[in-house]
């Protein structure tokens, strides 16, 4: 049974923090709904920077990579930035295998990501 994909979006200045509430993100419909929620937020709020916080996540399907790439493409149109925080080593390997570690910046936790990209 798949867990519900819970996305919490908070704003700190011009930085949006998207935190995933589930330990496993694999439900196709849930990921699509989360993607829609994030896209709607971006369209309505126009954040310059987004931190995707994976602190609670232990597993995700490859569809999550698509969600991240969509958000990155949307923000890049406005010279924005997307970074990732709290990713465990096993999940970080997925980014290395797919060479996505070359296009995203990674931070050990949300606070360091906010501090660093907030000074951009």
N, C-alpha and C. Protein backbone atom coordinates (compact mmCIF):
# COMPACT_ATOMS: atom_id res chain seq x y z
N UNK A 1 0.83 -1.18 0.00
CA UNK A 1 0.00 0.00 0.00
C UNK A 1 0.88 1.24 0.00
N UNK A 2 0.63 2.16 -0.91
CA UNK A 2 1.41 3.38 -1.00
C UNK A 2 0.95 4.39 0.04
N UNK A 3 1.93 5.13 0.56
CA UNK A 3 1.60 6.21 1.47
C UNK A 3 1.13 7.41 0.67
N UNK A 4 0.29 8.22 1.28
CA UNK A 4 -0.16 9.44 0.64
C UNK A 4 1.03 10.40 0.52
N UNK A 5 1.14 11.07 -0.61
CA UNK A 5 2.22 12.02 -0.83
C UNK A 5 1.78 13.35 -0.23
N UNK A 6 2.43 13.72 0.86
CA UNK A 6 2.11 14.96 1.56
C UNK A 6 3.20 15.98 1.27
N UNK A 7 2.78 17.15 0.80
CA UNK A 7 3.71 18.22 0.50
C UNK A 7 3.33 19.44 1.32
N UNK A 8 4.29 19.94 2.08
CA UNK A 8 4.07 21.14 2.87
C UNK A 8 4.94 22.24 2.25
N UNK A 9 4.30 23.34 1.84
CA UNK A 9 5.03 24.45 1.23
C UNK A 9 5.00 25.64 2.18
N UNK A 10 6.19 26.08 2.58
CA UNK A 10 6.33 27.24 3.45
C UNK A 10 7.18 28.28 2.72
N UNK A 11 7.00 29.54 3.08
CA UNK A 11 7.76 30.61 2.45
C UNK A 11 8.59 31.33 3.50
N UNK A 12 9.88 31.48 3.18
CA UNK A 12 10.78 32.24 4.03
C UNK A 12 11.45 33.29 3.15
N UNK A 13 10.96 34.52 3.23
CA UNK A 13 11.44 35.58 2.34
C UNK A 13 11.02 35.28 0.92
N UNK A 14 11.99 35.23 0.00
CA UNK A 14 11.66 34.87 -1.39
C UNK A 14 12.02 33.41 -1.68
N UNK A 15 12.19 32.63 -0.61
CA UNK A 15 12.53 31.21 -0.74
C UNK A 15 11.33 30.36 -0.32
N UNK A 16 10.93 29.47 -1.20
CA UNK A 16 9.88 28.50 -0.87
C UNK A 16 10.55 27.20 -0.43
N UNK A 17 10.03 26.61 0.63
CA UNK A 17 10.53 25.33 1.11
C UNK A 17 9.44 24.30 0.92
N UNK A 18 9.73 23.31 0.09
CA UNK A 18 8.79 22.23 -0.18
C UNK A 18 9.30 21.00 0.58
N UNK A 19 8.55 20.63 1.63
CA UNK A 19 8.94 19.49 2.45
C UNK A 19 7.99 18.33 2.20
N UNK A 20 8.56 17.17 1.98
CA UNK A 20 7.77 15.96 1.78
C UNK A 20 7.53 15.32 3.14
N UNK A 21 6.28 15.00 3.44
CA UNK A 21 5.92 14.48 4.75
C UNK A 21 5.98 12.97 4.88
N UNK A 22 6.05 12.25 3.77
CA UNK A 22 6.03 10.78 3.81
C UNK A 22 7.45 10.23 3.72
N UNK A 23 7.66 9.05 4.26
CA UNK A 23 8.96 8.40 4.16
C UNK A 23 9.14 7.73 2.80
N UNK A 24 8.02 7.40 2.14
CA UNK A 24 8.07 6.77 0.83
C UNK A 24 7.19 7.55 -0.14
N UNK A 25 7.78 7.94 -1.26
CA UNK A 25 7.03 8.69 -2.27
C UNK A 25 7.03 7.85 -3.54
N UNK A 26 5.95 7.08 -3.70
CA UNK A 26 5.91 6.19 -4.86
C UNK A 26 4.53 6.10 -5.51
N UNK A 27 3.53 6.68 -4.89
CA UNK A 27 2.18 6.63 -5.44
C UNK A 27 2.08 7.56 -6.65
N UNK A 28 1.83 7.01 -7.83
CA UNK A 28 1.83 7.77 -9.07
C UNK A 28 0.83 8.93 -9.02
N UNK A 29 -0.38 8.64 -8.57
CA UNK A 29 -1.40 9.70 -8.49
C UNK A 29 -1.02 10.75 -7.45
N UNK A 30 -0.45 10.30 -6.35
CA UNK A 30 -0.03 11.23 -5.31
C UNK A 30 1.09 12.14 -5.77
N UNK A 31 2.03 11.60 -6.52
CA UNK A 31 3.13 12.40 -7.04
C UNK A 31 2.60 13.41 -8.05
N UNK A 32 1.68 12.97 -8.89
CA UNK A 32 1.07 13.90 -9.86
C UNK A 32 0.33 15.02 -9.15
N UNK A 33 -0.39 14.69 -8.08
CA UNK A 33 -1.11 15.71 -7.31
C UNK A 33 -0.13 16.67 -6.64
N UNK A 34 0.96 16.14 -6.09
CA UNK A 34 1.98 16.99 -5.48
C UNK A 34 2.61 17.91 -6.52
N UNK A 35 2.87 17.37 -7.69
CA UNK A 35 3.44 18.17 -8.78
C UNK A 35 2.50 19.30 -9.16
N UNK A 36 1.21 18.99 -9.26
CA UNK A 36 0.20 20.02 -9.57
C UNK A 36 0.18 21.09 -8.49
N UNK A 37 0.24 20.66 -7.23
CA UNK A 37 0.23 21.61 -6.11
C UNK A 37 1.45 22.54 -6.17
N UNK A 38 2.61 21.97 -6.46
CA UNK A 38 3.84 22.76 -6.54
C UNK A 38 3.78 23.72 -7.72
N UNK A 39 3.33 23.23 -8.88
CA UNK A 39 3.24 24.09 -10.07
C UNK A 39 2.26 25.24 -9.83
N UNK A 40 1.14 24.95 -9.18
CA UNK A 40 0.16 26.00 -8.88
C UNK A 40 0.78 27.04 -7.95
N UNK A 41 1.50 26.57 -6.94
CA UNK A 41 2.15 27.49 -6.02
C UNK A 41 3.15 28.39 -6.76
N UNK A 42 3.96 27.79 -7.62
CA UNK A 42 4.95 28.56 -8.38
C UNK A 42 4.26 29.58 -9.29
N UNK A 43 3.20 29.16 -9.98
CA UNK A 43 2.47 30.07 -10.87
C UNK A 43 1.86 31.25 -10.11
N UNK A 44 1.36 31.00 -8.91
CA UNK A 44 0.68 32.05 -8.15
C UNK A 44 1.63 32.93 -7.35
N UNK A 45 2.76 32.37 -6.91
CA UNK A 45 3.64 33.09 -5.97
C UNK A 45 4.98 33.53 -6.55
N UNK A 46 5.38 32.95 -7.67
CA UNK A 46 6.62 33.31 -8.36
C UNK A 46 7.85 33.35 -7.44
N UNK A 47 8.10 32.27 -6.70
CA UNK A 47 9.30 32.29 -5.86
C UNK A 47 10.57 32.30 -6.72
N UNK A 48 11.60 32.95 -6.24
CA UNK A 48 12.87 32.97 -6.95
C UNK A 48 13.71 31.73 -6.65
N UNK A 49 13.47 31.13 -5.49
CA UNK A 49 14.24 29.98 -5.07
C UNK A 49 13.33 28.97 -4.37
N UNK A 50 13.61 27.69 -4.62
CA UNK A 50 12.88 26.62 -3.93
C UNK A 50 13.89 25.64 -3.35
N UNK A 51 13.67 25.30 -2.09
CA UNK A 51 14.40 24.22 -1.43
C UNK A 51 13.45 23.04 -1.34
N UNK A 52 13.83 21.92 -1.94
CA UNK A 52 13.07 20.68 -1.78
C UNK A 52 13.72 19.90 -0.65
N UNK A 53 12.98 19.76 0.45
CA UNK A 53 13.51 19.13 1.65
C UNK A 53 13.07 17.66 1.72
N UNK A 54 14.05 16.77 1.63
CA UNK A 54 13.81 15.32 1.65
C UNK A 54 14.19 14.70 2.99
N UNK A 55 14.20 15.48 4.05
CA UNK A 55 14.67 15.02 5.35
C UNK A 55 13.97 13.75 5.82
N UNK A 56 12.67 13.63 5.60
CA UNK A 56 11.90 12.47 6.08
C UNK A 56 11.88 11.31 5.08
N UNK A 57 12.31 11.55 3.85
CA UNK A 57 12.12 10.58 2.77
C UNK A 57 13.22 9.52 2.77
N UNK A 58 12.80 8.28 2.72
CA UNK A 58 13.73 7.14 2.65
C UNK A 58 13.71 6.48 1.27
N UNK A 59 12.61 6.67 0.53
CA UNK A 59 12.47 6.07 -0.80
C UNK A 59 11.60 6.97 -1.66
N UNK A 60 11.96 7.08 -2.95
CA UNK A 60 11.05 7.73 -3.90
C UNK A 60 11.19 7.08 -5.26
N UNK A 61 10.12 7.16 -6.03
CA UNK A 61 10.14 6.61 -7.38
C UNK A 61 10.77 7.62 -8.33
N UNK A 62 11.11 7.16 -9.51
CA UNK A 62 11.76 8.03 -10.49
C UNK A 62 10.86 9.18 -10.93
N UNK A 63 9.56 9.05 -10.72
CA UNK A 63 8.64 10.13 -11.08
C UNK A 63 8.95 11.40 -10.29
N UNK A 64 9.52 11.26 -9.11
CA UNK A 64 9.89 12.43 -8.30
C UNK A 64 10.99 13.22 -9.00
N UNK A 65 11.87 12.54 -9.71
CA UNK A 65 12.91 13.25 -10.47
C UNK A 65 12.27 14.15 -11.52
N UNK A 66 11.22 13.66 -12.16
CA UNK A 66 10.49 14.47 -13.13
C UNK A 66 9.87 15.70 -12.48
N UNK A 67 9.30 15.52 -11.29
CA UNK A 67 8.72 16.64 -10.55
C UNK A 67 9.78 17.70 -10.29
N UNK A 68 10.97 17.28 -9.87
CA UNK A 68 12.06 18.22 -9.59
C UNK A 68 12.53 18.93 -10.86
N UNK A 69 12.63 18.18 -11.94
CA UNK A 69 13.07 18.78 -13.21
C UNK A 69 12.05 19.79 -13.74
N UNK A 70 10.76 19.48 -13.57
CA UNK A 70 9.71 20.42 -13.98
C UNK A 70 9.82 21.72 -13.20
N UNK A 71 9.97 21.61 -11.89
CA UNK A 71 10.09 22.80 -11.05
C UNK A 71 11.32 23.60 -11.42
N UNK A 72 12.43 22.91 -11.66
CA UNK A 72 13.67 23.59 -12.04
C UNK A 72 13.49 24.34 -13.36
N UNK A 73 12.87 23.69 -14.34
CA UNK A 73 12.67 24.32 -15.65
C UNK A 73 11.81 25.57 -15.51
N UNK A 74 10.78 25.48 -14.69
CA UNK A 74 9.88 26.62 -14.48
C UNK A 74 10.62 27.80 -13.84
N UNK A 75 11.41 27.52 -12.82
CA UNK A 75 12.14 28.60 -12.15
C UNK A 75 13.27 29.15 -13.00
N UNK A 76 13.89 28.32 -13.80
CA UNK A 76 14.99 28.78 -14.65
C UNK A 76 14.52 29.80 -15.68
N UNK A 77 13.24 29.74 -16.07
CA UNK A 77 12.69 30.72 -17.00
C UNK A 77 12.76 32.12 -16.43
N UNK A 78 12.72 32.23 -15.10
CA UNK A 78 12.78 33.52 -14.42
C UNK A 78 14.11 33.70 -13.69
N UNK A 79 15.13 32.96 -14.11
CA UNK A 79 16.46 33.00 -13.49
C UNK A 79 16.42 32.59 -12.01
N UNK A 80 15.51 31.66 -11.69
CA UNK A 80 15.40 31.17 -10.33
C UNK A 80 16.28 29.96 -10.09
N UNK A 81 16.19 29.41 -8.90
CA UNK A 81 17.08 28.33 -8.50
C UNK A 81 16.30 27.29 -7.69
N UNK A 82 16.64 26.02 -7.89
CA UNK A 82 16.06 24.91 -7.13
C UNK A 82 17.22 24.13 -6.52
N UNK A 83 17.15 23.91 -5.21
CA UNK A 83 18.16 23.13 -4.52
C UNK A 83 17.47 22.03 -3.71
N UNK A 84 18.27 21.07 -3.25
CA UNK A 84 17.74 19.91 -2.54
C UNK A 84 18.45 19.79 -1.20
N UNK A 85 17.67 19.52 -0.16
CA UNK A 85 18.27 19.35 1.17
C UNK A 85 17.79 18.05 1.82
N UNK A 86 18.59 17.60 2.79
CA UNK A 86 18.20 16.47 3.61
C UNK A 86 18.12 15.13 2.91
N UNK A 87 18.83 14.98 1.81
CA UNK A 87 18.77 13.74 1.03
C UNK A 87 19.70 12.69 1.64
N UNK A 88 19.17 11.51 1.90
CA UNK A 88 20.03 10.47 2.47
C UNK A 88 20.98 9.92 1.39
N UNK A 89 22.08 9.30 1.80
CA UNK A 89 23.09 8.84 0.83
C UNK A 89 22.58 7.88 -0.24
N UNK A 90 21.64 7.01 0.12
CA UNK A 90 21.11 6.06 -0.86
C UNK A 90 20.34 6.80 -1.95
N UNK A 91 19.57 7.80 -1.58
CA UNK A 91 18.82 8.57 -2.58
C UNK A 91 19.74 9.48 -3.37
N UNK A 92 20.79 9.96 -2.73
CA UNK A 92 21.75 10.81 -3.45
C UNK A 92 22.42 10.02 -4.58
N UNK A 93 22.59 8.72 -4.38
CA UNK A 93 23.17 7.86 -5.42
C UNK A 93 22.33 7.89 -6.70
N UNK A 94 21.01 7.99 -6.56
CA UNK A 94 20.14 8.06 -7.73
C UNK A 94 20.47 9.29 -8.57
N UNK A 95 20.73 10.40 -7.91
CA UNK A 95 21.10 11.62 -8.63
C UNK A 95 22.45 11.45 -9.33
N UNK A 96 23.38 10.77 -8.68
CA UNK A 96 24.69 10.53 -9.30
C UNK A 96 24.56 9.60 -10.51
N UNK A 97 23.80 8.53 -10.37
CA UNK A 97 23.62 7.56 -11.45
C UNK A 97 22.99 8.21 -12.67
N UNK A 98 22.05 9.11 -12.45
CA UNK A 98 21.34 9.77 -13.55
C UNK A 98 22.02 11.07 -14.00
N UNK A 99 23.15 11.38 -13.39
CA UNK A 99 23.89 12.62 -13.66
C UNK A 99 23.13 13.89 -13.28
N UNK A 100 22.07 13.75 -12.53
CA UNK A 100 21.33 14.92 -12.07
C UNK A 100 22.06 15.64 -10.94
N UNK A 101 23.09 15.00 -10.40
CA UNK A 101 23.90 15.68 -9.38
C UNK A 101 24.69 16.84 -9.99
N UNK A 102 24.73 16.89 -11.32
CA UNK A 102 25.44 17.97 -12.01
C UNK A 102 24.57 19.22 -12.17
N UNK A 103 23.25 19.07 -12.05
CA UNK A 103 22.38 20.24 -12.27
C UNK A 103 21.69 20.73 -11.00
N UNK A 104 21.71 19.94 -9.94
CA UNK A 104 21.13 20.37 -8.67
C UNK A 104 22.25 20.57 -7.66
N UNK A 105 22.02 21.50 -6.74
CA UNK A 105 22.93 21.66 -5.60
C UNK A 105 22.27 21.00 -4.40
N UNK A 106 23.11 20.40 -3.55
CA UNK A 106 22.62 19.63 -2.41
C UNK A 106 23.16 20.20 -1.11
N UNK A 107 22.32 20.17 -0.08
CA UNK A 107 22.69 20.67 1.23
C UNK A 107 22.28 19.63 2.27
N UNK A 108 23.06 19.52 3.36
CA UNK A 108 22.75 18.48 4.35
C UNK A 108 21.41 18.68 5.05
N UNK A 109 21.01 19.94 5.25
CA UNK A 109 19.72 20.19 5.87
C UNK A 109 19.14 21.49 5.33
N UNK A 110 17.85 21.66 5.57
CA UNK A 110 17.09 22.79 5.05
C UNK A 110 17.70 24.14 5.46
N UNK A 111 18.13 24.25 6.69
CA UNK A 111 18.65 25.53 7.20
C UNK A 111 19.88 26.00 6.43
N UNK A 112 20.79 25.09 6.15
CA UNK A 112 22.00 25.49 5.41
C UNK A 112 21.65 25.85 3.97
N UNK A 113 20.67 25.18 3.40
CA UNK A 113 20.22 25.51 2.04
C UNK A 113 19.64 26.92 2.01
N UNK A 114 18.80 27.23 2.97
CA UNK A 114 18.17 28.56 3.03
C UNK A 114 19.23 29.63 3.23
N UNK A 115 20.16 29.39 4.14
CA UNK A 115 21.24 30.37 4.39
C UNK A 115 22.05 30.63 3.13
N UNK A 116 22.40 29.58 2.43
CA UNK A 116 23.28 29.71 1.26
C UNK A 116 22.56 30.36 0.08
N UNK A 117 21.38 29.89 -0.26
CA UNK A 117 20.72 30.46 -1.44
C UNK A 117 20.06 31.79 -1.12
N UNK A 118 19.88 32.08 0.16
CA UNK A 118 19.31 33.37 0.54
C UNK A 118 20.29 34.51 0.33
N UNK A 119 21.56 34.18 0.15
CA UNK A 119 22.59 35.21 -0.06
C UNK A 119 22.93 35.37 -1.53
N UNK A 120 22.23 34.64 -2.38
CA UNK A 120 22.51 34.68 -3.84
C UNK A 120 22.12 36.01 -4.43
